[in-house]
Amino acid sequence: MNEEMVDFVLGDGGHDETVKRYAPACDFESHRLWSGRYLKDDPDIIRKVLQDTLSSGTRMLLTYTYQTTVDNLQQHYNITKKEALDIIKSSVSLCREAIELARAAGMTRPIDVFGMIGPYGAFLHDGSEYAGGNYADNMTGQQLADWHRPRFDALIEAGCDYLIFATIPSLKEAEALISLLKEHPGMKAIVSFSAQNELTISHGEKLSDVAQSCWQLASDQILAIGVNCLHPRLVEPLLRSVKEANPQIPLSVKTNTTETFNTETKQWESSGDPKTLAEYCRDWLHLGVKYISGCCRTSVQDIITLGEEINKFIEKTKQTRQRK
C-alpha cells in the first residue's frame, strides 16, 4: 500500500447508459453527436442525467461535448458558428444548474465542472481515435490546434473549472491541445489517451514516453495524465509504466466495464473476465491513481461502487498508519 496519502477524486460516468433510461429509443452510438445531441434536442434529458450522476458521489461533472464540435453541430443542424458555440457553452451551464439543485437539496461536497474535449477522430466518427489516430500524420500540429480551438475557448468562456482531453490517440494531438492550454495560463487539464495494449497508446507511442513529454511541456497546468475508454485489465500496466518512468506525474483512469466491443457486430459482449470493476479499482488505488471514473457501459451504480472502494481504501490506509 502506498505510504503517501493521495487525494483520490471520484469522477463521473454512466452518462450514455443513463441517457437510455430517459430516451430508451435513442441510438446515440450511430449519431455523429452521440448523447451530445440532447444539448439541443432535449436539454431536460441531460438535466436529469446530471442529477442522477451527482447522486453517485462524484466530485467531477463532465460536459456533454466529447463529440459536440462546431463542425458537427453546423453540419447536423445547419446553424451558424455562433449558434454552435452557444450550444457548446450551454453544456457548462447545465452542469452548473445541476450542482445548484443538488446543493439546494443538501449536497455539500466540492464539485468541479470539467469541459470535455474529444479528439479529431471523434468528429470523423469512424473509430480512428482507437485505430491509430493516423489522421494526425496528415495534419500539422497547428492545424490540429486550430481545429480544436473554437470548442476549447468556448468551454473556458462558459466558465468550466478544468478541462479533460479524452481518448487522445497520439502525442502530436496531445501537444496541439497543450499548446492551446498554454494560451490560458490559469486553466488546468487532465490529459487522457486511448491505448492499443498494455504499453502503448493508439498511435503506437509508449504511454510512459508520451506522458513524460506532456509533463515537460506543461507540468504546472496538467492535473493528471492517464487513459480512458479501455478494458480495465489494461489500466494497471499502462499507468504503472508512467509511474515507474516519473513518479511525480499524477495518474488518471476513466474505465470501461469488463465488456468488450465487437467491431463486426457493433455490439458489447461479455469478455469472460472473472475480475470485477471493484477489484480492478483496488489495484489502481494501490498504484496511487488519483482520478478514477467511468467511461463506456458504466452506470451510476458502477460509480457508486468505485466510490465505495476509494472510501474503504482511505479508511484502511488511515488505520494502518495509526497502528504504526
C-alpha atoms as a PDB file:
ATOM      1  CA  MET A   1       0.000   0.000   0.000  1.00  0.00           C
ATOM      2  CA  ASN A   2       1.281   3.480  -0.858  1.00  0.00           C
ATOM      3  CA  GLU A   3       2.656   5.354   2.142  1.00  0.00           C
ATOM      4  CA  GLU A   4       1.879   8.699   0.532  1.00  0.00           C
ATOM      5  CA  MET A   5      -1.717   9.785   1.088  1.00  0.00           C
ATOM      6  CA  VAL A   6      -3.374  10.624  -2.227  1.00  0.00           C
ATOM      7  CA  ASP A   7      -6.360  12.958  -2.502  1.00  0.00           C
ATOM      8  CA  PHE A   8      -8.357  10.489  -4.569  1.00  0.00           C
ATOM      9  CA  VAL A   9     -11.019  12.069  -6.757  1.00  0.00           C
ATOM     10  CA  LEU A  10     -14.096  10.115  -7.832  1.00  0.00           C
ATOM     11  CA  GLY A  11     -15.077  11.155 -11.331  1.00  0.00           C
ATOM     12  CA  ASP A  12     -18.405  10.693 -13.032  1.00  0.00           C
ATOM     13  CA  GLY A  13     -19.537   8.178 -15.617  1.00  0.00           C
ATOM     14  CA  GLY A  14     -22.551   6.379 -16.904  1.00  0.00           C
ATOM     15  CA  HIS A  15     -23.809   9.352 -18.919  1.00  0.00           C
ATOM     16  CA  ASP A  16     -24.733   7.432 -22.027  1.00  0.00           C
ATOM     17  CA  GLU A  17     -26.207   4.462 -20.198  1.00  0.00           C
ATOM     18  CA  THR A  18     -28.308   6.817 -18.077  1.00  0.00           C
ATOM     19  CA  VAL A  19     -29.493   8.691 -21.176  1.00  0.00           C
ATOM     20  CA  LYS A  20     -31.086   5.427 -22.307  1.00  0.00           C
ATOM     21  CA  ARG A  21     -33.241   5.477 -19.173  1.00  0.00           C
ATOM     22  CA  TYR A  22     -34.854   8.721 -20.302  1.00  0.00           C
ATOM     23  CA  ALA A  23     -34.649   8.167 -24.070  1.00  0.00           C
ATOM     24  CA  PRO A  24     -34.957   4.378 -24.447  1.00  0.00           C
ATOM     25  CA  ALA A  25     -35.424   4.545 -28.204  1.00  0.00           C
ATOM     26  CA  CYS A  26     -32.232   6.512 -28.785  1.00  0.00           C
ATOM     27  CA  ASP A  27     -29.414   5.057 -30.848  1.00  0.00           C
ATOM     28  CA  PHE A  28     -26.801   7.612 -29.925  1.00  0.00           C
ATOM     29  CA  GLU A  29     -23.826   5.406 -30.858  1.00  0.00           C
ATOM     30  CA  SER A  30     -24.699   5.814 -34.532  1.00  0.00           C
ATOM     31  CA  HIS A  31     -25.293   9.556 -34.211  1.00  0.00           C
ATOM     32  CA  ARG A  32     -22.407  11.914 -35.025  1.00  0.00           C
ATOM     33  CA  LEU A  33     -23.086  13.894 -31.846  1.00  0.00           C
ATOM     34  CA  TRP A  34     -23.699  10.882 -29.595  1.00  0.00           C
ATOM     35  CA  SER A  35     -25.608  11.923 -26.485  1.00  0.00           C
ATOM     36  CA  GLY A  36     -24.413  15.483 -27.064  1.00  0.00           C
ATOM     37  CA  ARG A  37     -27.364  15.773 -29.476  1.00  0.00           C
ATOM     38  CA  TYR A  38     -29.590  16.330 -26.454  1.00  0.00           C
ATOM     39  CA  LEU A  39     -27.879  19.645 -25.722  1.00  0.00           C
ATOM     40  CA  LYS A  40     -30.135  20.970 -28.488  1.00  0.00           C
ATOM     41  CA  ASP A  41     -32.790  18.280 -28.991  1.00  0.00           C
ATOM     42  CA  ASP A  42     -33.844  17.840 -25.353  1.00  0.00           C
ATOM     43  CA  PRO A  43     -31.732  19.520 -22.632  1.00  0.00           C
ATOM     44  CA  ASP A  44     -34.126  18.219 -19.957  1.00  0.00           C
ATOM     45  CA  ILE A  45     -32.745  14.728 -20.558  1.00  0.00           C
ATOM     46  CA  ILE A  46     -29.247  15.979 -19.799  1.00  0.00           C
ATOM     47  CA  ARG A  47     -30.523  17.765 -16.684  1.00  0.00           C
ATOM     48  CA  LYS A  48     -31.981  14.503 -15.408  1.00  0.00           C
ATOM     49  CA  VAL A  49     -28.819  12.536 -16.183  1.00  0.00           C
ATOM     50  CA  LEU A  50     -26.632  15.081 -14.419  1.00  0.00           C
ATOM     51  CA  GLN A  51     -28.839  14.874 -11.331  1.00  0.00           C
ATOM     52  CA  ASP A  52     -28.524  11.091 -11.356  1.00  0.00           C
ATOM     53  CA  THR A  53     -24.768  11.422 -11.827  1.00  0.00           C
ATOM     54  CA  LEU A  54     -24.426  13.698  -8.797  1.00  0.00           C
ATOM     55  CA  SER A  55     -26.212  11.081  -6.683  1.00  0.00           C
ATOM     56  CA  SER A  56     -23.223   8.758  -7.238  1.00  0.00           C
ATOM     57  CA  GLY A  57     -20.907  10.787  -5.011  1.00  0.00           C
ATOM     58  CA  THR A  58     -18.764  12.132  -7.840  1.00  0.00           C
ATOM     59  CA  ARG A  59     -16.609  15.216  -7.361  1.00  0.00           C
ATOM     60  CA  MET A  60     -16.498  15.879 -11.105  1.00  0.00           C
ATOM     61  CA  LEU A  61     -19.132  16.651 -13.725  1.00  0.00           C
ATOM     62  CA  LEU A  62     -18.104  16.355 -17.360  1.00  0.00           C
ATOM     63  CA  THR A  63     -19.795  18.358 -20.090  1.00  0.00           C
ATOM     64  CA  TYR A  64     -21.604  16.644 -22.971  1.00  0.00           C
ATOM     65  CA  THR A  65     -19.080  17.830 -25.521  1.00  0.00           C
ATOM     66  CA  TYR A  66     -16.905  14.825 -26.381  1.00  0.00           C
ATOM     67  CA  GLN A  67     -18.302  14.701 -29.928  1.00  0.00           C
ATOM     68  CA  THR A  68     -20.084  18.041 -29.771  1.00  0.00           C
ATOM     69  CA  THR A  69     -17.907  20.168 -32.041  1.00  0.00           C
ATOM     70  CA  VAL A  70     -18.632  23.312 -34.025  1.00  0.00           C
ATOM     71  CA  ASP A  71     -18.272  21.398 -37.299  1.00  0.00           C
ATOM     72  CA  ASN A  72     -20.592  18.575 -36.251  1.00  0.00           C
ATOM     73  CA  LEU A  73     -23.231  20.957 -34.914  1.00  0.00           C
ATOM     74  CA  GLN A  74     -23.180  23.137 -38.002  1.00  0.00           C
ATOM     75  CA  GLN A  75     -23.352  20.178 -40.362  1.00  0.00           C
ATOM     76  CA  HIS A  76     -26.121  18.390 -38.480  1.00  0.00           C
ATOM     77  CA  TYR A  77     -28.373  21.347 -37.645  1.00  0.00           C
ATOM     78  CA  ASN A  78     -27.453  23.767 -40.460  1.00  0.00           C
ATOM     79  CA  ILE A  79     -26.775  26.520 -37.921  1.00  0.00           C
ATOM     80  CA  THR A  80     -24.280  29.359 -37.634  1.00  0.00           C
ATOM     81  CA  LYS A  81     -20.935  29.095 -35.883  1.00  0.00           C
ATOM     82  CA  LYS A  82     -22.199  31.354 -33.090  1.00  0.00           C
ATOM     83  CA  GLU A  83     -25.240  29.133 -32.550  1.00  0.00           C
ATOM     84  CA  ALA A  84     -22.965  26.086 -32.396  1.00  0.00           C
ATOM     85  CA  LEU A  85     -20.704  27.771 -29.866  1.00  0.00           C
ATOM     86  CA  ASP A  86     -23.728  28.721 -27.752  1.00  0.00           C
ATOM     87  CA  ILE A  87     -24.798  25.068 -27.661  1.00  0.00           C
ATOM     88  CA  ILE A  88     -21.310  24.055 -26.507  1.00  0.00           C
ATOM     89  CA  LYS A  89     -21.372  26.741 -23.802  1.00  0.00           C
ATOM     90  CA  SER A  90     -24.786  25.528 -22.632  1.00  0.00           C
ATOM     91  CA  SER A  91     -23.181  22.245 -21.600  1.00  0.00           C
ATOM     92  CA  VAL A  92     -21.340  24.089 -18.823  1.00  0.00           C
ATOM     93  CA  SER A  93     -24.487  25.941 -17.760  1.00  0.00           C
ATOM     94  CA  LEU A  94     -26.380  22.655 -17.466  1.00  0.00           C
ATOM     95  CA  CYS A  95     -23.692  21.287 -15.153  1.00  0.00           C
ATOM     96  CA  ARG A  96     -23.863  24.423 -13.010  1.00  0.00           C
ATOM     97  CA  GLU A  97     -27.659  24.153 -12.800  1.00  0.00           C
ATOM     98  CA  ALA A  98     -27.382  20.532 -11.679  1.00  0.00           C
ATOM     99  CA  ILE A  99     -24.884  21.436  -8.969  1.00  0.00           C
ATOM    100  CA  GLU A 100     -27.084  24.278  -7.690  1.00  0.00           C
ATOM    101  CA  LEU A 101     -30.077  21.942  -7.466  1.00  0.00           C
ATOM    102  CA  ALA A 102     -28.006  19.353  -5.600  1.00  0.00           C
ATOM    103  CA  ARG A 103     -26.732  21.996  -3.172  1.00  0.00           C
ATOM    104  CA  ALA A 104     -30.309  23.156  -2.548  1.00  0.00           C
ATOM    105  CA  ALA A 105     -31.111  19.537  -1.670  1.00  0.00           C
ATOM    106  CA  GLY A 106     -28.277  19.388   0.866  1.00  0.00           C
ATOM    107  CA  MET A 107     -25.168  18.292  -1.069  1.00  0.00           C
ATOM    108  CA  THR A 108     -22.043  19.834   0.466  1.00  0.00           C
ATOM    109  CA  ARG A 109     -19.069  18.110  -1.199  1.00  0.00           C
ATOM    110  CA  PRO A 110     -16.989  20.081  -3.716  1.00  0.00           C
ATOM    111  CA  ILE A 111     -17.861  19.568  -7.390  1.00  0.00           C
ATOM    112  CA  ASP A 112     -15.762  20.723 -10.346  1.00  0.00           C
ATOM    113  CA  VAL A 113     -17.034  21.069 -13.902  1.00  0.00           C
ATOM    114  CA  PHE A 114     -14.673  19.600 -16.492  1.00  0.00           C
ATOM    115  CA  GLY A 115     -15.052  20.701 -20.097  1.00  0.00           C
ATOM    116  CA  MET A 116     -14.799  17.528 -22.180  1.00  0.00           C
ATOM    117  CA  ILE A 117     -12.700  17.686 -25.349  1.00  0.00           C
ATOM    118  CA  GLY A 118     -12.591  14.632 -27.565  1.00  0.00           C
ATOM    119  CA  PRO A 119     -10.075  14.047 -30.376  1.00  0.00           C
ATOM    120  CA  TYR A 120     -10.384  14.985 -34.034  1.00  0.00           C
ATOM    121  CA  GLY A 121     -11.180  11.322 -34.637  1.00  0.00           C
ATOM    122  CA  ALA A 122     -14.415  11.662 -32.662  1.00  0.00           C
ATOM    123  CA  PHE A 123     -15.524  14.334 -35.139  1.00  0.00           C
ATOM    124  CA  LEU A 124     -14.715  11.959 -38.003  1.00  0.00           C
ATOM    125  CA  HIS A 125     -16.956   9.372 -36.293  1.00  0.00           C
ATOM    126  CA  ASP A 126     -15.040   6.473 -37.829  1.00  0.00           C
ATOM    127  CA  GLY A 127     -13.351   4.999 -34.751  1.00  0.00           C
ATOM    128  CA  SER A 128      -9.959   6.296 -35.856  1.00  0.00           C
ATOM    129  CA  GLU A 129      -9.100   7.525 -32.362  1.00  0.00           C
ATOM    130  CA  TYR A 130      -8.984   3.852 -31.340  1.00  0.00           C
ATOM    131  CA  ALA A 131      -7.355   2.589 -34.521  1.00  0.00           C
ATOM    132  CA  GLY A 132      -4.159   4.614 -34.519  1.00  0.00           C
ATOM    133  CA  GLY A 133      -5.293   8.208 -34.914  1.00  0.00           C
ATOM    134  CA  ASN A 134      -3.371   8.276 -38.178  1.00  0.00           C
ATOM    135  CA  TYR A 135      -5.238  11.365 -39.344  1.00  0.00           C
ATOM    136  CA  ALA A 136      -2.682  13.322 -37.299  1.00  0.00           C
ATOM    137  CA  ASP A 137       0.052  12.134 -39.675  1.00  0.00           C
ATOM    138  CA  ASN A 138      -1.596  14.176 -42.430  1.00  0.00           C
ATOM    139  CA  MET A 139      -2.120  17.303 -40.328  1.00  0.00           C
ATOM    140  CA  THR A 140       0.290  19.763 -38.783  1.00  0.00           C
ATOM    141  CA  GLY A 141       0.201  20.461 -35.089  1.00  0.00           C
ATOM    142  CA  GLN A 142      -1.047  23.944 -35.910  1.00  0.00           C
ATOM    143  CA  GLN A 143      -3.910  22.541 -37.984  1.00  0.00           C
ATOM    144  CA  LEU A 144      -4.947  20.297 -35.096  1.00  0.00           C
ATOM    145  CA  ALA A 145      -4.750  23.181 -32.635  1.00  0.00           C
ATOM    146  CA  ASP A 146      -6.767  25.473 -34.907  1.00  0.00           C
ATOM    147  CA  TRP A 147      -9.470  22.837 -35.309  1.00  0.00           C
ATOM    148  CA  HIS A 148      -9.747  22.279 -31.543  1.00  0.00           C
ATOM    149  CA  ARG A 149      -9.622  25.980 -30.628  1.00  0.00           C
ATOM    150  CA  PRO A 150     -13.322  27.029 -31.024  1.00  0.00           C
ATOM    151  CA  ARG A 151     -14.706  24.403 -28.635  1.00  0.00           C
ATOM    152  CA  PHE A 152     -11.695  24.780 -26.348  1.00  0.00           C
ATOM    153  CA  ASP A 153     -12.187  28.531 -25.973  1.00  0.00           C
ATOM    154  CA  ALA A 154     -15.993  28.220 -25.703  1.00  0.00           C
ATOM    155  CA  LEU A 155     -15.790  25.858 -22.742  1.00  0.00           C
ATOM    156  CA  ILE A 156     -13.383  28.173 -20.938  1.00  0.00           C
ATOM    157  CA  GLU A 157     -15.505  31.245 -21.725  1.00  0.00           C
ATOM    158  CA  ALA A 158     -18.544  29.400 -20.346  1.00  0.00           C
ATOM    159  CA  GLY A 159     -16.761  29.019 -17.008  1.00  0.00           C
ATOM    160  CA  CYS A 160     -15.699  25.382 -16.677  1.00  0.00           C
ATOM    161  CA  ASP A 161     -13.287  24.785 -13.803  1.00  0.00           C
ATOM    162  CA  TYR A 162     -10.965  22.463 -15.684  1.00  0.00           C
ATOM    163  CA  LEU A 163     -10.679  20.591 -18.977  1.00  0.00           C
ATOM    164  CA  ILE A 164     -10.196  16.942 -19.849  1.00  0.00           C
ATOM    165  CA  PHE A 165      -8.685  15.883 -23.176  1.00  0.00           C
ATOM    166  CA  ALA A 166     -10.106  12.394 -23.665  1.00  0.00           C
ATOM    167  CA  THR A 167      -9.247   9.413 -25.874  1.00  0.00           C
ATOM    168  CA  ILE A 168      -6.346  11.248 -27.468  1.00  0.00           C
ATOM    169  CA  PRO A 169      -4.595   8.746 -29.750  1.00  0.00           C
ATOM    170  CA  SER A 170      -1.241  10.434 -30.424  1.00  0.00           C
ATOM    171  CA  LEU A 171       1.415  12.630 -28.875  1.00  0.00           C
ATOM    172  CA  LYS A 172       1.014  15.066 -31.774  1.00  0.00           C
ATOM    173  CA  GLU A 173      -2.626  15.760 -30.954  1.00  0.00           C
ATOM    174  CA  ALA A 174      -1.868  15.962 -27.235  1.00  0.00           C
ATOM    175  CA  GLU A 175       0.851  18.522 -27.948  1.00  0.00           C
ATOM    176  CA  ALA A 176      -1.600  20.556 -30.037  1.00  0.00           C
ATOM    177  CA  LEU A 177      -4.076  20.622 -27.162  1.00  0.00           C
ATOM    178  CA  ILE A 178      -1.374  21.507 -24.664  1.00  0.00           C
ATOM    179  CA  SER A 179      -0.340  24.422 -26.903  1.00  0.00           C
ATOM    180  CA  LEU A 180      -3.904  25.741 -26.552  1.00  0.00           C
ATOM    181  CA  LEU A 181      -3.823  25.125 -22.811  1.00  0.00           C
ATOM    182  CA  LYS A 182      -0.728  27.280 -22.542  1.00  0.00           C
ATOM    183  CA  GLU A 183      -2.681  30.139 -24.145  1.00  0.00           C
ATOM    184  CA  HIS A 184      -4.792  30.081 -20.957  1.00  0.00           C
ATOM    185  CA  PRO A 185      -2.235  30.055 -18.095  1.00  0.00           C
ATOM    186  CA  GLY A 186      -4.913  29.872 -15.407  1.00  0.00           C
ATOM    187  CA  MET A 187      -6.542  26.725 -16.804  1.00  0.00           C
ATOM    188  CA  LYS A 188      -5.555  23.140 -15.992  1.00  0.00           C
ATOM    189  CA  ALA A 189      -6.454  19.838 -17.621  1.00  0.00           C
ATOM    190  CA  ILE A 190      -6.347  16.068 -17.444  1.00  0.00           C
ATOM    191  CA  VAL A 191      -4.675  14.537 -20.498  1.00  0.00           C
ATOM    192  CA  SER A 192      -6.138  11.104 -21.225  1.00  0.00           C
ATOM    193  CA  PHE A 193      -5.125   8.758 -24.034  1.00  0.00           C
ATOM    194  CA  SER A 194      -6.653   5.831 -25.883  1.00  0.00           C
ATOM    195  CA  ALA A 195      -4.493   2.690 -25.813  1.00  0.00           C
ATOM    196  CA  GLN A 196      -3.826  -0.303 -28.044  1.00  0.00           C
ATOM    197  CA  ASN A 197      -2.182  -2.601 -25.460  1.00  0.00           C
ATOM    198  CA  GLU A 198      -0.538  -2.664 -22.023  1.00  0.00           C
ATOM    199  CA  LEU A 199       2.256  -0.261 -23.001  1.00  0.00           C
ATOM    200  CA  THR A 200       1.345   1.917 -25.974  1.00  0.00           C
ATOM    201  CA  ILE A 201      -1.289   4.447 -26.934  1.00  0.00           C
ATOM    202  CA  SER A 202      -3.316   4.043 -30.112  1.00  0.00           C
ATOM    203  CA  HIS A 203      -0.807   5.736 -32.392  1.00  0.00           C
ATOM    204  CA  GLY A 204       1.931   3.371 -31.211  1.00  0.00           C
ATOM    205  CA  GLU A 205       3.993   5.528 -28.858  1.00  0.00           C
ATOM    206  CA  LYS A 206       4.764   4.258 -25.373  1.00  0.00           C
ATOM    207  CA  LEU A 207       2.461   5.888 -22.839  1.00  0.00           C
ATOM    208  CA  SER A 208       5.394   6.408 -20.473  1.00  0.00           C
ATOM    209  CA  ASP A 209       7.275   8.409 -23.134  1.00  0.00           C
ATOM    210  CA  VAL A 210       4.199  10.389 -24.153  1.00  0.00           C
ATOM    211  CA  ALA A 211       3.334  11.215 -20.548  1.00  0.00           C
ATOM    212  CA  GLN A 212       6.863  12.442 -19.876  1.00  0.00           C
ATOM    213  CA  SER A 213       6.780  14.666 -22.989  1.00  0.00           C
ATOM    214  CA  CYS A 214       3.444  16.197 -21.991  1.00  0.00           C
ATOM    215  CA  TRP A 215       4.590  16.713 -18.414  1.00  0.00           C
ATOM    216  CA  GLN A 216       7.725  18.516 -19.552  1.00  0.00           C
ATOM    217  CA  LEU A 217       5.627  20.804 -21.737  1.00  0.00           C
ATOM    218  CA  ALA A 218       3.156  21.927 -19.064  1.00  0.00           C
ATOM    219  CA  SER A 219       3.550  20.269 -15.679  1.00  0.00           C
ATOM    220  CA  ASP A 220       2.123  23.370 -13.991  1.00  0.00           C
ATOM    221  CA  GLN A 221      -1.120  23.056 -15.978  1.00  0.00           C
ATOM    222  CA  ILE A 222      -1.608  19.275 -16.044  1.00  0.00           C
ATOM    223  CA  LEU A 223      -3.760  17.807 -13.293  1.00  0.00           C
ATOM    224  CA  ALA A 224      -3.040  14.217 -14.312  1.00  0.00           C
ATOM    225  CA  ILE A 225      -2.156  12.009 -17.241  1.00  0.00           C
ATOM    226  CA  GLY A 226      -3.871   8.721 -17.926  1.00  0.00           C
ATOM    227  CA  VAL A 227      -6.060   6.576 -20.118  1.00  0.00           C
ATOM    228  CA  ASN A 228      -9.741   6.209 -20.880  1.00  0.00           C
ATOM    229  CA  CYS A 229     -12.233   4.151 -22.849  1.00  0.00           C
ATOM    230  CA  LEU A 230     -10.451   0.811 -22.462  1.00  0.00           C
ATOM    231  CA  HIS A 231     -10.839  -2.556 -20.787  1.00  0.00           C
ATOM    232  CA  PRO A 232      -9.847  -2.275 -17.112  1.00  0.00           C
ATOM    233  CA  ARG A 233      -7.232  -5.040 -17.418  1.00  0.00           C
ATOM    234  CA  LEU A 234      -5.035  -2.700 -19.499  1.00  0.00           C
ATOM    235  CA  VAL A 235      -5.077   0.137 -16.998  1.00  0.00           C
ATOM    236  CA  GLU A 236      -2.654  -1.008 -14.312  1.00  0.00           C
ATOM    237  CA  PRO A 237       0.276  -1.922 -16.598  1.00  0.00           C
ATOM    238  CA  LEU A 238      -0.158   1.266 -18.627  1.00  0.00           C
ATOM    239  CA  LEU A 239      -0.239   3.552 -15.618  1.00  0.00           C
ATOM    240  CA  ARG A 240       2.469   1.632 -13.812  1.00  0.00           C
ATOM    241  CA  SER A 241       4.786   2.313 -16.758  1.00  0.00           C
ATOM    242  CA  VAL A 242       4.181   6.039 -16.296  1.00  0.00           C
ATOM    243  CA  LYS A 243       4.729   5.874 -12.544  1.00  0.00           C
ATOM    244  CA  GLU A 244       7.975   3.961 -12.940  1.00  0.00           C
ATOM    245  CA  ALA A 245       9.261   6.466 -15.516  1.00  0.00           C
ATOM    246  CA  ASN A 246       8.259   9.529 -13.487  1.00  0.00           C
ATOM    247  CA  PRO A 247       6.553   9.068 -10.110  1.00  0.00           C
ATOM    248  CA  GLN A 248       5.787  12.803  -9.951  1.00  0.00           C
ATOM    249  CA  ILE A 249       3.100  12.573 -12.655  1.00  0.00           C
ATOM    250  CA  PRO A 250      -0.414  12.264 -11.151  1.00  0.00           C
ATOM    251  CA  LEU A 251      -2.419   9.485 -12.789  1.00  0.00           C
ATOM    252  CA  SER A 252      -5.993   9.150 -14.019  1.00  0.00           C
ATOM    253  CA  VAL A 253      -8.283   6.486 -15.433  1.00  0.00           C
ATOM    254  CA  LYS A 254     -11.728   6.640 -16.987  1.00  0.00           C
ATOM    255  CA  THR A 255     -12.516   2.971 -17.449  1.00  0.00           C
ATOM    256  CA  ASN A 256     -14.990   0.916 -19.443  1.00  0.00           C
ATOM    257  CA  THR A 257     -16.711  -2.055 -17.862  1.00  0.00           C
ATOM    258  CA  THR A 258     -15.215  -5.517 -18.351  1.00  0.00           C
ATOM    259  CA  GLU A 259     -17.247  -5.979 -21.536  1.00  0.00           C
ATOM    260  CA  THR A 260     -15.615  -5.724 -24.965  1.00  0.00           C
ATOM    261  CA  PHE A 261     -16.935  -4.118 -28.147  1.00  0.00           C
ATOM    262  CA  ASN A 262     -17.316  -6.403 -31.170  1.00  0.00           C
ATOM    263  CA  THR A 263     -16.361  -4.255 -34.157  1.00  0.00           C
ATOM    264  CA  GLU A 264     -18.104  -6.619 -36.587  1.00  0.00           C
ATOM    265  CA  THR A 265     -21.481  -6.880 -34.857  1.00  0.00           C
ATOM    266  CA  LYS A 266     -21.217  -3.383 -33.298  1.00  0.00           C
ATOM    267  CA  GLN A 267     -22.361  -4.890 -30.002  1.00  0.00           C
ATOM    268  CA  TRP A 268     -20.912  -5.058 -26.499  1.00  0.00           C
ATOM    269  CA  GLU A 269     -20.212  -8.596 -25.342  1.00  0.00           C
ATOM    270  CA  SER A 270     -19.043 -10.322 -22.180  1.00  0.00           C
ATOM    271  CA  SER A 271     -15.281 -10.799 -22.122  1.00  0.00           C
ATOM    272  CA  GLY A 272     -15.490 -13.622 -19.621  1.00  0.00           C
ATOM    273  CA  ASP A 273     -13.263 -11.659 -17.263  1.00  0.00           C
ATOM    274  CA  PRO A 274     -13.737 -13.088 -13.726  1.00  0.00           C
ATOM    275  CA  LYS A 275     -12.402  -9.905 -12.131  1.00  0.00           C
ATOM    276  CA  THR A 276     -14.864  -7.198 -11.137  1.00  0.00           C
ATOM    277  CA  LEU A 277     -14.531  -3.461 -11.654  1.00  0.00           C
ATOM    278  CA  ALA A 278     -14.195  -3.081  -7.879  1.00  0.00           C
ATOM    279  CA  GLU A 279     -11.241  -5.497  -7.828  1.00  0.00           C
ATOM    280  CA  TYR A 280      -9.530  -3.592 -10.618  1.00  0.00           C
ATOM    281  CA  CYS A 281     -10.153  -0.357  -8.737  1.00  0.00           C
ATOM    282  CA  ARG A 282      -8.247  -1.712  -5.732  1.00  0.00           C
ATOM    283  CA  ASP A 283      -5.212  -2.230  -7.961  1.00  0.00           C
ATOM    284  CA  TRP A 284      -5.399   1.373  -9.161  1.00  0.00           C
ATOM    285  CA  LEU A 285      -5.694   2.686  -5.625  1.00  0.00           C
ATOM    286  CA  HIS A 286      -2.614   0.768  -4.522  1.00  0.00           C
ATOM    287  CA  LEU A 287      -0.797   2.259  -7.503  1.00  0.00           C
ATOM    288  CA  GLY A 288      -1.849   5.731  -6.374  1.00  0.00           C
ATOM    289  CA  VAL A 289      -4.131   6.627  -9.300  1.00  0.00           C
ATOM    290  CA  LYS A 290      -5.695   9.945  -8.270  1.00  0.00           C
ATOM    291  CA  TYR A 291      -8.672  10.377 -10.643  1.00  0.00           C
ATOM    292  CA  ILE A 292     -10.912   7.332 -11.078  1.00  0.00           C
ATOM    293  CA  SER A 293     -14.102   7.428 -13.128  1.00  0.00           C
ATOM    294  CA  GLY A 294     -16.224   5.524 -15.620  1.00  0.00           C
ATOM    295  CA  CYS A 295     -16.451   5.516 -19.399  1.00  0.00           C
ATOM    296  CA  CYS A 296     -18.319   3.254 -21.850  1.00  0.00           C
ATOM    297  CA  ARG A 297     -21.055   0.996 -20.483  1.00  0.00           C
ATOM    298  CA  THR A 298     -20.558   2.122 -16.888  1.00  0.00           C
ATOM    299  CA  SER A 299     -23.612   3.043 -14.851  1.00  0.00           C
ATOM    300  CA  VAL A 300     -24.305   5.337 -11.920  1.00  0.00           C
ATOM    301  CA  GLN A 301     -24.118   2.214  -9.735  1.00  0.00           C
ATOM    302  CA  ASP A 302     -20.611   1.494 -11.058  1.00  0.00           C
ATOM    303  CA  ILE A 303     -19.531   4.984  -9.998  1.00  0.00           C
ATOM    304  CA  ILE A 304     -21.039   4.389  -6.554  1.00  0.00           C
ATOM    305  CA  THR A 305     -19.064   1.125  -6.360  1.00  0.00           C
ATOM    306  CA  LEU A 306     -15.812   2.878  -7.329  1.00  0.00           C
ATOM    307  CA  GLY A 307     -16.508   5.499  -4.653  1.00  0.00           C
ATOM    308  CA  GLU A 308     -17.037   2.802  -2.043  1.00  0.00           C
ATOM    309  CA  GLU A 309     -13.685   1.247  -2.928  1.00  0.00           C
ATOM    310  CA  ILE A 310     -11.969   4.632  -2.632  1.00  0.00           C
ATOM    311  CA  ASN A 311     -13.508   5.231   0.800  1.00  0.00           C
ATOM    312  CA  LYS A 312     -12.561   1.758   2.040  1.00  0.00           C
ATOM    313  CA  PHE A 313      -9.010   2.211   0.823  1.00  0.00           C
ATOM    314  CA  ILE A 314      -8.667   5.601   2.526  1.00  0.00           C
ATOM    315  CA  GLU A 315     -10.014   4.230   5.804  1.00  0.00           C
ATOM    316  CA  LYS A 316      -7.756   1.200   5.670  1.00  0.00           C
ATOM    317  CA  THR A 317      -4.750   3.423   4.973  1.00  0.00           C
ATOM    318  CA  LYS A 318      -5.590   5.608   7.985  1.00  0.00           C
ATOM    319  CA  GLN A 319      -5.934   2.581  10.244  1.00  0.00           C
ATOM    320  CA  THR A 320      -2.597   1.186   9.055  1.00  0.00           C
ATOM    321  CA  ARG A 321      -0.865   4.462   9.807  1.00  0.00           C
ATOM    322  CA  GLN A 322      -2.424   4.700  13.256  1.00  0.00           C
ATOM    323  CA  ARG A 323      -1.066   1.275  14.160  1.00  0.00           C
ATOM    324  CA  LYS A 324       2.485   2.255  13.247  1.00  0.00           C
END
